[in-house]
Amino acid sequence: MTTGYVVNLDNGHNGFCFESLLGVTYCGETFDPNTTQRELYAVDRDGDHPHNTLCFDCSKVDARTVRGTVRGESA
């Protein structure tokens, strides 16, 4: 189960972007976490919850691959 923060960057990605590292989203967008509102990702949310609409790139990311890359592990 994934937990963390999402942000709505109004960047044309048509959805919330999932924060992978502080200030960086899965889809590669950077933002200032001190000035951008981050929301706790809703786990066990109902079908109408806005976090169901992750941006296309963030929704397709393999979280294990991202974490492995950040840790310097080869895929």
N, C-alpha and C. Protein backbone atom coordinates (compact mmCIF):
# COMPACT_ATOMS: atom_id res chain seq x y z
N MET A 1 0.84 -1.17 0.00
CA MET A 1 0.00 0.00 0.00
C MET A 1 0.89 1.24 0.00
N THR A 2 0.58 2.18 -0.86
CA THR A 2 1.40 3.39 -0.99
C THR A 2 0.88 4.47 -0.06
N THR A 3 1.80 5.09 0.65
CA THR A 3 1.45 6.25 1.46
C THR A 3 2.45 7.34 1.16
N GLY A 4 2.08 8.56 1.40
CA GLY A 4 2.95 9.69 1.13
C GLY A 4 2.11 10.92 0.86
N TYR A 5 2.65 11.83 0.08
CA TYR A 5 1.97 13.09 -0.20
C TYR A 5 1.71 13.26 -1.68
N VAL A 6 0.63 13.97 -1.98
CA VAL A 6 0.32 14.37 -3.34
C VAL A 6 0.23 15.88 -3.39
N VAL A 7 0.47 16.43 -4.57
CA VAL A 7 0.38 17.87 -4.78
C VAL A 7 -0.39 18.12 -6.07
N ASN A 8 -1.09 19.23 -6.11
CA ASN A 8 -1.75 19.66 -7.32
C ASN A 8 -0.98 20.87 -7.81
N LEU A 9 -0.14 20.67 -8.81
CA LEU A 9 0.77 21.71 -9.27
C LEU A 9 0.20 22.59 -10.37
N ASP A 10 -1.03 22.30 -10.82
CA ASP A 10 -1.62 23.05 -11.93
C ASP A 10 -0.63 23.15 -13.09
N ASN A 11 -0.03 22.00 -13.43
CA ASN A 11 1.02 21.96 -14.45
C ASN A 11 0.55 21.32 -15.75
N GLY A 12 -0.76 21.18 -15.90
CA GLY A 12 -1.29 20.59 -17.12
C GLY A 12 -1.27 19.08 -17.15
N HIS A 13 -0.91 18.43 -16.04
CA HIS A 13 -0.86 16.97 -16.00
C HIS A 13 -2.21 16.37 -15.67
N ASN A 14 -3.21 17.20 -15.45
CA ASN A 14 -4.59 16.75 -15.24
C ASN A 14 -4.75 15.76 -14.09
N GLY A 15 -4.22 16.12 -12.94
CA GLY A 15 -4.40 15.28 -11.76
C GLY A 15 -3.38 15.61 -10.70
N PHE A 16 -3.48 14.90 -9.59
CA PHE A 16 -2.52 15.08 -8.51
C PHE A 16 -1.22 14.38 -8.88
N CYS A 17 -0.11 14.96 -8.47
CA CYS A 17 1.20 14.35 -8.68
C CYS A 17 1.67 13.78 -7.34
N PHE A 18 2.21 12.57 -7.38
CA PHE A 18 2.66 11.89 -6.17
C PHE A 18 4.11 12.27 -5.89
N GLU A 19 4.37 12.71 -4.66
CA GLU A 19 5.73 13.12 -4.28
C GLU A 19 6.57 11.88 -4.00
N SER A 20 7.68 11.75 -4.74
CA SER A 20 8.57 10.61 -4.54
C SER A 20 9.71 10.95 -3.59
N LEU A 21 10.28 12.10 -3.76
CA LEU A 21 11.29 12.65 -2.87
C LEU A 21 10.80 14.03 -2.47
N LEU A 22 11.29 14.58 -1.39
CA LEU A 22 10.84 15.89 -0.96
C LEU A 22 11.04 16.90 -2.08
N GLY A 23 9.94 17.45 -2.58
CA GLY A 23 10.01 18.46 -3.63
C GLY A 23 10.12 17.94 -5.04
N VAL A 24 10.00 16.61 -5.22
CA VAL A 24 10.09 16.02 -6.56
C VAL A 24 8.97 14.98 -6.70
N THR A 25 8.25 15.03 -7.82
CA THR A 25 7.17 14.08 -8.04
C THR A 25 7.65 12.90 -8.87
N TYR A 26 6.84 11.83 -8.88
CA TYR A 26 7.15 10.66 -9.70
C TYR A 26 7.34 11.04 -11.17
N CYS A 27 6.58 12.03 -11.64
CA CYS A 27 6.66 12.41 -13.05
C CYS A 27 7.78 13.39 -13.32
N GLY A 28 8.61 13.69 -12.31
CA GLY A 28 9.80 14.50 -12.52
C GLY A 28 9.63 15.99 -12.31
N GLU A 29 8.44 16.43 -11.90
CA GLU A 29 8.23 17.84 -11.62
C GLU A 29 8.87 18.20 -10.29
N THR A 30 9.47 19.36 -10.21
CA THR A 30 10.02 19.84 -8.95
C THR A 30 9.16 20.99 -8.43
N PHE A 31 9.13 21.13 -7.12
CA PHE A 31 8.35 22.19 -6.49
C PHE A 31 8.95 22.49 -5.13
N ASP A 32 8.61 23.66 -4.59
CA ASP A 32 9.10 24.06 -3.28
C ASP A 32 8.13 23.54 -2.23
N PRO A 33 8.53 22.55 -1.45
CA PRO A 33 7.61 21.98 -0.46
C PRO A 33 7.25 22.95 0.66
N ASN A 34 8.01 24.04 0.78
CA ASN A 34 7.69 25.02 1.81
C ASN A 34 6.58 25.97 1.39
N THR A 35 6.34 26.09 0.09
CA THR A 35 5.31 27.01 -0.39
C THR A 35 4.17 26.31 -1.13
N THR A 36 4.31 25.02 -1.40
CA THR A 36 3.29 24.27 -2.10
C THR A 36 2.52 23.41 -1.11
N GLN A 37 1.20 23.45 -1.22
CA GLN A 37 0.38 22.65 -0.31
C GLN A 37 0.46 21.18 -0.70
N ARG A 38 0.93 20.37 0.25
CA ARG A 38 1.02 18.92 0.06
C ARG A 38 -0.11 18.29 0.86
N GLU A 39 -0.77 17.30 0.29
CA GLU A 39 -1.85 16.60 0.98
C GLU A 39 -1.43 15.16 1.22
N LEU A 40 -1.77 14.64 2.39
CA LEU A 40 -1.51 13.24 2.67
C LEU A 40 -2.34 12.40 1.72
N TYR A 41 -1.69 11.47 1.04
CA TYR A 41 -2.37 10.61 0.09
C TYR A 41 -3.41 9.79 0.81
N ALA A 42 -4.63 9.80 0.32
CA ALA A 42 -5.74 9.12 0.98
C ALA A 42 -5.71 7.63 0.70
N VAL A 43 -5.51 6.83 1.73
CA VAL A 43 -5.52 5.38 1.62
C VAL A 43 -6.94 4.90 1.92
N ASP A 44 -7.39 3.86 1.23
CA ASP A 44 -8.75 3.33 1.40
C ASP A 44 -9.80 4.41 1.14
N ARG A 45 -9.57 5.19 0.10
CA ARG A 45 -10.48 6.28 -0.24
C ARG A 45 -11.66 5.74 -1.06
N ASP A 46 -12.76 6.50 -1.06
CA ASP A 46 -13.91 6.07 -1.85
C ASP A 46 -13.69 6.47 -3.31
N GLY A 47 -14.58 6.02 -4.17
CA GLY A 47 -14.41 6.22 -5.61
C GLY A 47 -14.44 7.66 -6.08
N ASP A 48 -15.01 8.56 -5.27
CA ASP A 48 -15.11 9.97 -5.67
C ASP A 48 -13.98 10.83 -5.12
N HIS A 49 -13.05 10.23 -4.40
CA HIS A 49 -11.99 11.03 -3.79
C HIS A 49 -11.08 11.63 -4.86
N PRO A 50 -10.69 12.90 -4.73
CA PRO A 50 -9.86 13.54 -5.77
C PRO A 50 -8.49 12.89 -5.97
N HIS A 51 -7.96 12.20 -4.96
CA HIS A 51 -6.65 11.55 -5.13
C HIS A 51 -6.72 10.36 -6.07
N ASN A 52 -7.93 9.94 -6.43
CA ASN A 52 -8.06 8.87 -7.42
C ASN A 52 -7.57 9.33 -8.79
N THR A 53 -7.46 10.64 -8.97
CA THR A 53 -7.02 11.19 -10.24
C THR A 53 -5.57 11.61 -10.13
N LEU A 54 -4.66 10.63 -10.15
CA LEU A 54 -3.24 10.95 -10.23
C LEU A 54 -2.93 11.30 -11.67
N CYS A 55 -1.93 12.14 -11.89
CA CYS A 55 -1.55 12.45 -13.26
C CYS A 55 -1.13 11.15 -13.96
N PHE A 56 -1.24 11.12 -15.27
CA PHE A 56 -0.98 9.90 -16.02
C PHE A 56 0.40 9.32 -15.71
N ASP A 57 1.44 10.16 -15.74
CA ASP A 57 2.81 9.67 -15.51
C ASP A 57 2.99 9.14 -14.09
N CYS A 58 2.45 9.85 -13.11
CA CYS A 58 2.58 9.40 -11.72
C CYS A 58 1.83 8.09 -11.51
N SER A 59 0.70 7.92 -12.16
CA SER A 59 -0.08 6.70 -11.97
C SER A 59 0.58 5.49 -12.60
N LYS A 60 1.49 5.69 -13.55
CA LYS A 60 2.12 4.58 -14.25
C LYS A 60 3.50 4.21 -13.71
N VAL A 61 3.99 4.99 -12.76
CA VAL A 61 5.34 4.75 -12.23
C VAL A 61 5.36 3.50 -11.36
N ASP A 62 6.40 2.73 -11.50
CA ASP A 62 6.65 1.58 -10.63
C ASP A 62 7.43 2.10 -9.41
N ALA A 63 6.76 2.21 -8.27
CA ALA A 63 7.37 2.80 -7.08
C ALA A 63 8.64 2.07 -6.66
N ARG A 64 8.68 0.77 -6.82
CA ARG A 64 9.88 0.02 -6.41
C ARG A 64 11.07 0.41 -7.28
N THR A 65 10.83 0.61 -8.57
CA THR A 65 11.92 1.02 -9.47
C THR A 65 12.44 2.40 -9.09
N VAL A 66 11.51 3.31 -8.78
CA VAL A 66 11.92 4.66 -8.39
C VAL A 66 12.76 4.61 -7.12
N ARG A 67 12.29 3.88 -6.12
CA ARG A 67 13.04 3.81 -4.85
C ARG A 67 14.40 3.15 -5.08
N GLY A 68 14.46 2.11 -5.89
CA GLY A 68 15.73 1.44 -6.19
C GLY A 68 16.70 2.35 -6.89
N THR A 69 16.22 3.13 -7.84
CA THR A 69 17.08 4.08 -8.55
C THR A 69 17.64 5.11 -7.60
N VAL A 70 16.80 5.64 -6.73
CA VAL A 70 17.24 6.64 -5.76
C VAL A 70 18.30 6.06 -4.82
N ARG A 71 18.16 4.79 -4.49
CA ARG A 71 19.12 4.14 -3.58
C ARG A 71 20.38 3.67 -4.31
N GLY A 72 20.41 3.84 -5.63
CA GLY A 72 21.58 3.44 -6.40
C GLY A 72 21.58 1.98 -6.77
N GLU A 73 20.42 1.33 -6.68
CA GLU A 73 20.32 -0.07 -7.05
C GLU A 73 19.98 -0.15 -8.53
N SER A 74 20.58 -1.10 -9.22
CA SER A 74 20.24 -1.26 -10.64
C SER A 74 18.95 -2.05 -10.77
N ALA A 75 18.21 -1.74 -11.84
CA ALA A 75 16.91 -2.39 -12.03
C ALA A 75 17.06 -3.82 -12.49
